[in-house]
Structures are given as structure tokens and as C-alpha cells.
Amino acid sequence: MAMSGGCSTPASNAAESAPVVVSVSSSGRLAVKGKSVPLKSLNRTLRAAGARTKTPIHVSLSPGTPDARVAEISRTLASGKFPRVVFIRPKKPSASGKGL
């Protein structure tokens, strides 16, 4: 019997591993794939964009995004059964370069 080497990943698993990005403006507005989305439609929009339960959701926050808005988004994504959520805040400038 011949065996082939390598690893194959079903297409559905590959699609689930690619993150879907939600952008949040400093005023709290949401966008998925460049299109503005109201919070109440976020889960439906993510599903339409191909997100499933195992799909990572990356929420890119603008500077100044209110913490209350982050909490609202987190609750909404949890209610949509999206457990793999990462909130990404912009990096602050580092002062470690001084004095070198």
C-alpha cells in the first residue's frame, strides 16, 4: 500500500482559521470589510462574511475607542457564539529608545 506524505487541511478548516477583522473608529463606529455595520447587525454581518464559531475575530480599535464600546462589542460577539475574539489596541510609542 502506498502512503502519501504531507498534510492536507479541508477547505472549511482553512477558511475558519483566517481571521475576520472588525474595525472600530474612535467614535465607536464599526466596519467589516470596509462597510459600516450597526452593532445590532454585527453577528449577522460576520456570518455573511464567512465567520463561523471557530473563526478568529480580530477587533481593531482606534485610539480613543471608549471602553464602554469595547464592552458592548464583546457582549454582542459572545451572544453570537464567537469565542475566539482578540481586541487589538494601537501600540503606544515606546520611551525605551531614549538615552541610547
N, C-alpha and C. Protein backbone atom coordinates (compact mmCIF):
# COMPACT_ATOMS: atom_id res chain seq x y z
N MET A 1 0.83 -1.17 0.00
CA MET A 1 0.00 0.00 0.00
C MET A 1 0.88 1.25 0.00
N ALA A 2 0.59 2.16 -0.84
CA ALA A 2 1.38 3.39 -0.92
C ALA A 2 0.78 4.45 -0.01
N MET A 3 1.66 5.17 0.65
CA MET A 3 1.19 6.26 1.52
C MET A 3 1.78 7.56 0.99
N SER A 4 0.98 8.57 1.00
CA SER A 4 1.48 9.86 0.56
C SER A 4 1.86 10.69 1.78
N GLY A 5 2.88 11.49 1.64
CA GLY A 5 3.33 12.33 2.74
C GLY A 5 2.63 13.67 2.71
N GLY A 6 2.85 14.43 3.75
CA GLY A 6 2.29 15.78 3.80
C GLY A 6 1.03 15.83 4.62
N CYS A 7 0.51 16.98 4.69
CA CYS A 7 -0.69 17.23 5.49
C CYS A 7 -1.72 17.92 4.63
N SER A 8 -2.91 17.47 4.74
CA SER A 8 -3.97 18.16 3.99
C SER A 8 -4.96 18.75 4.97
N THR A 9 -5.42 19.92 4.68
CA THR A 9 -6.40 20.60 5.52
C THR A 9 -7.65 20.83 4.69
N PRO A 10 -8.79 20.38 5.19
CA PRO A 10 -10.02 20.63 4.44
C PRO A 10 -10.24 22.13 4.25
N ALA A 11 -10.85 22.48 3.14
CA ALA A 11 -11.07 23.90 2.83
C ALA A 11 -11.87 24.59 3.91
N SER A 12 -12.82 23.90 4.53
CA SER A 12 -13.64 24.53 5.55
C SER A 12 -12.80 24.91 6.77
N ASN A 13 -11.81 24.08 7.15
CA ASN A 13 -10.94 24.42 8.27
C ASN A 13 -10.03 25.58 7.93
N ALA A 14 -9.56 25.64 6.70
CA ALA A 14 -8.69 26.74 6.29
C ALA A 14 -9.44 28.06 6.36
N ALA A 15 -10.69 28.05 5.93
CA ALA A 15 -11.48 29.28 5.97
C ALA A 15 -11.75 29.71 7.40
N GLU A 16 -11.92 28.75 8.30
CA GLU A 16 -12.20 29.08 9.69
C GLU A 16 -10.98 29.65 10.40
N SER A 17 -9.79 29.35 9.92
CA SER A 17 -8.59 29.83 10.60
C SER A 17 -8.21 31.25 10.19
N ALA A 18 -8.71 31.74 9.06
CA ALA A 18 -8.42 33.11 8.64
C ALA A 18 -9.30 34.07 9.44
N PRO A 19 -8.68 35.04 10.13
CA PRO A 19 -9.49 35.95 10.95
C PRO A 19 -10.34 36.89 10.11
N VAL A 20 -11.47 37.27 10.68
CA VAL A 20 -12.29 38.32 10.11
C VAL A 20 -12.04 39.55 10.97
N VAL A 21 -11.77 40.68 10.33
CA VAL A 21 -11.41 41.90 11.06
C VAL A 21 -12.61 42.84 11.16
N VAL A 22 -12.85 43.30 12.38
CA VAL A 22 -13.85 44.33 12.64
C VAL A 22 -13.06 45.57 13.03
N SER A 23 -13.26 46.66 12.32
CA SER A 23 -12.59 47.92 12.64
C SER A 23 -13.52 48.80 13.44
N VAL A 24 -12.96 49.45 14.47
CA VAL A 24 -13.75 50.33 15.33
C VAL A 24 -13.10 51.70 15.31
N SER A 25 -13.87 52.72 14.92
CA SER A 25 -13.34 54.09 14.90
C SER A 25 -13.31 54.66 16.32
N SER A 26 -12.63 55.77 16.49
CA SER A 26 -12.55 56.39 17.81
C SER A 26 -13.92 56.84 18.30
N SER A 27 -14.85 57.04 17.38
CA SER A 27 -16.21 57.41 17.78
C SER A 27 -17.08 56.17 18.07
N GLY A 28 -16.50 54.97 17.81
CA GLY A 28 -17.22 53.74 18.12
C GLY A 28 -17.93 53.10 16.95
N ARG A 29 -17.80 53.68 15.76
CA ARG A 29 -18.45 53.08 14.58
C ARG A 29 -17.72 51.82 14.16
N LEU A 30 -18.50 50.83 13.71
CA LEU A 30 -17.96 49.54 13.31
C LEU A 30 -17.92 49.40 11.80
N ALA A 31 -16.94 48.65 11.31
CA ALA A 31 -16.86 48.33 9.88
C ALA A 31 -16.31 46.92 9.73
N VAL A 32 -16.89 46.18 8.79
CA VAL A 32 -16.41 44.86 8.42
C VAL A 32 -16.16 44.89 6.93
N LYS A 33 -14.94 44.55 6.53
CA LYS A 33 -14.54 44.60 5.11
C LYS A 33 -14.83 45.96 4.49
N GLY A 34 -14.60 47.02 5.25
CA GLY A 34 -14.76 48.39 4.76
C GLY A 34 -16.18 48.93 4.74
N LYS A 35 -17.14 48.11 5.14
CA LYS A 35 -18.53 48.55 5.14
C LYS A 35 -19.01 48.80 6.55
N SER A 36 -19.64 49.96 6.76
CA SER A 36 -20.17 50.32 8.06
C SER A 36 -21.26 49.35 8.49
N VAL A 37 -21.22 48.97 9.78
CA VAL A 37 -22.16 47.98 10.30
C VAL A 37 -22.68 48.46 11.65
N PRO A 38 -24.01 48.50 11.83
CA PRO A 38 -24.52 48.81 13.16
C PRO A 38 -24.27 47.63 14.11
N LEU A 39 -24.10 47.90 15.38
CA LEU A 39 -23.79 46.86 16.36
C LEU A 39 -24.83 45.74 16.33
N LYS A 40 -26.10 46.09 16.18
CA LYS A 40 -27.15 45.06 16.20
C LYS A 40 -27.06 44.09 15.02
N SER A 41 -26.34 44.49 13.96
CA SER A 41 -26.17 43.62 12.78
C SER A 41 -24.80 42.97 12.70
N LEU A 42 -23.96 43.18 13.71
CA LEU A 42 -22.58 42.71 13.63
C LEU A 42 -22.49 41.20 13.45
N ASN A 43 -23.17 40.43 14.28
CA ASN A 43 -23.07 38.97 14.18
C ASN A 43 -23.57 38.46 12.83
N ARG A 44 -24.66 39.00 12.36
CA ARG A 44 -25.20 38.60 11.05
C ARG A 44 -24.21 38.95 9.94
N THR A 45 -23.60 40.11 10.03
CA THR A 45 -22.62 40.55 9.02
C THR A 45 -21.39 39.65 9.04
N LEU A 46 -20.94 39.28 10.23
CA LEU A 46 -19.78 38.38 10.33
C LEU A 46 -20.08 37.02 9.72
N ARG A 47 -21.27 36.51 9.98
CA ARG A 47 -21.66 35.21 9.39
C ARG A 47 -21.72 35.33 7.86
N ALA A 48 -22.25 36.44 7.37
CA ALA A 48 -22.32 36.66 5.92
C ALA A 48 -20.92 36.76 5.30
N ALA A 49 -19.96 37.22 6.12
CA ALA A 49 -18.57 37.35 5.65
C ALA A 49 -17.82 36.02 5.76
N GLY A 50 -18.52 34.99 6.22
CA GLY A 50 -17.91 33.66 6.28
C GLY A 50 -17.45 33.22 7.66
N ALA A 51 -17.65 34.05 8.68
CA ALA A 51 -17.21 33.69 10.03
C ALA A 51 -18.12 32.61 10.61
N ARG A 52 -17.48 31.68 11.30
CA ARG A 52 -18.19 30.61 12.00
C ARG A 52 -17.70 30.59 13.44
N THR A 53 -18.20 29.69 14.23
CA THR A 53 -17.85 29.63 15.66
C THR A 53 -16.35 29.58 15.89
N LYS A 54 -15.63 28.82 15.08
CA LYS A 54 -14.18 28.68 15.28
C LYS A 54 -13.36 29.75 14.58
N THR A 55 -13.99 30.66 13.88
CA THR A 55 -13.27 31.72 13.16
C THR A 55 -12.74 32.77 14.14
N PRO A 56 -11.46 33.09 14.08
CA PRO A 56 -10.96 34.18 14.92
C PRO A 56 -11.53 35.52 14.44
N ILE A 57 -11.96 36.31 15.39
CA ILE A 57 -12.45 37.66 15.10
C ILE A 57 -11.45 38.64 15.70
N HIS A 58 -10.84 39.46 14.86
CA HIS A 58 -9.89 40.47 15.33
C HIS A 58 -10.60 41.82 15.30
N VAL A 59 -10.72 42.43 16.46
CA VAL A 59 -11.38 43.73 16.59
C VAL A 59 -10.29 44.78 16.72
N SER A 60 -10.09 45.55 15.67
CA SER A 60 -9.05 46.57 15.62
C SER A 60 -9.61 47.90 16.13
N LEU A 61 -9.11 48.32 17.28
CA LEU A 61 -9.61 49.53 17.93
C LEU A 61 -8.77 50.75 17.55
N SER A 62 -9.43 51.84 17.28
CA SER A 62 -8.74 53.11 17.04
C SER A 62 -8.38 53.73 18.38
N PRO A 63 -7.37 54.61 18.39
CA PRO A 63 -7.07 55.32 19.64
C PRO A 63 -8.31 56.07 20.11
N GLY A 64 -8.57 56.01 21.38
CA GLY A 64 -9.70 56.74 21.93
C GLY A 64 -11.03 56.00 21.90
N THR A 65 -11.04 54.75 21.43
CA THR A 65 -12.28 53.98 21.45
C THR A 65 -12.70 53.81 22.90
N PRO A 66 -13.91 54.23 23.25
CA PRO A 66 -14.36 54.14 24.64
C PRO A 66 -14.43 52.70 25.14
N ASP A 67 -14.02 52.49 26.39
CA ASP A 67 -14.07 51.16 27.00
C ASP A 67 -15.50 50.61 27.01
N ALA A 68 -16.47 51.49 27.19
CA ALA A 68 -17.87 51.04 27.20
C ALA A 68 -18.24 50.44 25.84
N ARG A 69 -17.71 50.99 24.76
CA ARG A 69 -18.00 50.46 23.43
C ARG A 69 -17.33 49.09 23.25
N VAL A 70 -16.13 48.94 23.78
CA VAL A 70 -15.44 47.66 23.72
C VAL A 70 -16.28 46.60 24.44
N ALA A 71 -16.83 46.95 25.59
CA ALA A 71 -17.66 46.01 26.35
C ALA A 71 -18.92 45.64 25.58
N GLU A 72 -19.55 46.62 24.91
CA GLU A 72 -20.74 46.33 24.10
C GLU A 72 -20.41 45.35 22.97
N ILE A 73 -19.29 45.58 22.31
CA ILE A 73 -18.88 44.72 21.20
C ILE A 73 -18.60 43.31 21.72
N SER A 74 -17.92 43.23 22.85
CA SER A 74 -17.60 41.93 23.45
C SER A 74 -18.87 41.15 23.78
N ARG A 75 -19.85 41.80 24.38
CA ARG A 75 -21.12 41.14 24.71
C ARG A 75 -21.84 40.69 23.45
N THR A 76 -21.84 41.53 22.43
CA THR A 76 -22.51 41.18 21.17
C THR A 76 -21.86 39.97 20.53
N LEU A 77 -20.54 39.93 20.47
CA LEU A 77 -19.84 38.79 19.87
C LEU A 77 -20.05 37.52 20.68
N ALA A 78 -20.09 37.64 21.99
CA ALA A 78 -20.35 36.47 22.84
C ALA A 78 -21.76 35.93 22.59
N SER A 79 -22.72 36.82 22.41
CA SER A 79 -24.10 36.38 22.16
C SER A 79 -24.22 35.72 20.78
N GLY A 80 -23.29 36.03 19.88
CA GLY A 80 -23.28 35.43 18.55
C GLY A 80 -22.47 34.15 18.49
N LYS A 81 -22.00 33.69 19.65
CA LYS A 81 -21.22 32.45 19.76
C LYS A 81 -19.88 32.54 19.04
N PHE A 82 -19.22 33.70 19.18
CA PHE A 82 -17.87 33.88 18.65
C PHE A 82 -16.91 33.94 19.84
N PRO A 83 -16.34 32.79 20.23
CA PRO A 83 -15.46 32.77 21.40
C PRO A 83 -14.01 33.18 21.13
N ARG A 84 -13.62 33.21 19.86
CA ARG A 84 -12.21 33.49 19.51
C ARG A 84 -12.06 34.94 19.08
N VAL A 85 -12.17 35.85 20.05
CA VAL A 85 -12.12 37.29 19.78
C VAL A 85 -10.85 37.88 20.38
N VAL A 86 -10.16 38.67 19.57
CA VAL A 86 -8.97 39.38 20.03
C VAL A 86 -9.19 40.86 19.78
N PHE A 87 -9.08 41.66 20.84
CA PHE A 87 -9.17 43.11 20.69
C PHE A 87 -7.74 43.64 20.54
N ILE A 88 -7.53 44.45 19.51
CA ILE A 88 -6.20 44.96 19.20
C ILE A 88 -6.21 46.47 19.34
N ARG A 89 -5.48 46.93 20.32
CA ARG A 89 -5.33 48.38 20.53
C ARG A 89 -4.06 48.83 19.83
N PRO A 90 -4.04 50.09 19.35
CA PRO A 90 -2.81 50.59 18.72
C PRO A 90 -1.68 50.64 19.74
N LYS A 91 -0.47 50.37 19.26
CA LYS A 91 0.69 50.42 20.14
C LYS A 91 1.01 51.86 20.48
N LYS A 92 1.35 52.07 21.76
CA LYS A 92 1.76 53.39 22.19
C LYS A 92 3.24 53.55 21.90
N PRO A 93 3.69 54.78 21.58
CA PRO A 93 5.12 54.98 21.33
C PRO A 93 5.92 54.58 22.55
N SER A 94 7.03 53.93 22.32
CA SER A 94 7.88 53.46 23.42
C SER A 94 8.91 54.52 23.77
N ALA A 95 9.14 54.71 25.06
CA ALA A 95 10.14 55.66 25.53
C ALA A 95 11.47 54.96 25.74
N SER A 96 11.54 53.66 25.44
CA SER A 96 12.76 52.88 25.71
C SER A 96 13.93 53.30 24.82
N GLY A 97 13.68 54.01 23.74
CA GLY A 97 14.75 54.41 22.83
C GLY A 97 15.54 55.60 23.36
N LYS A 98 15.06 56.26 24.41
CA LYS A 98 15.75 57.44 24.94
C LYS A 98 17.00 57.03 25.72
N GLY A 99 18.00 57.84 25.59
CA GLY A 99 19.22 57.64 26.35
C GLY A 99 20.16 56.61 25.76
N LEU A 100 19.92 56.15 24.57
CA LEU A 100 20.81 55.18 23.95
C LEU A 100 21.80 55.83 23.06
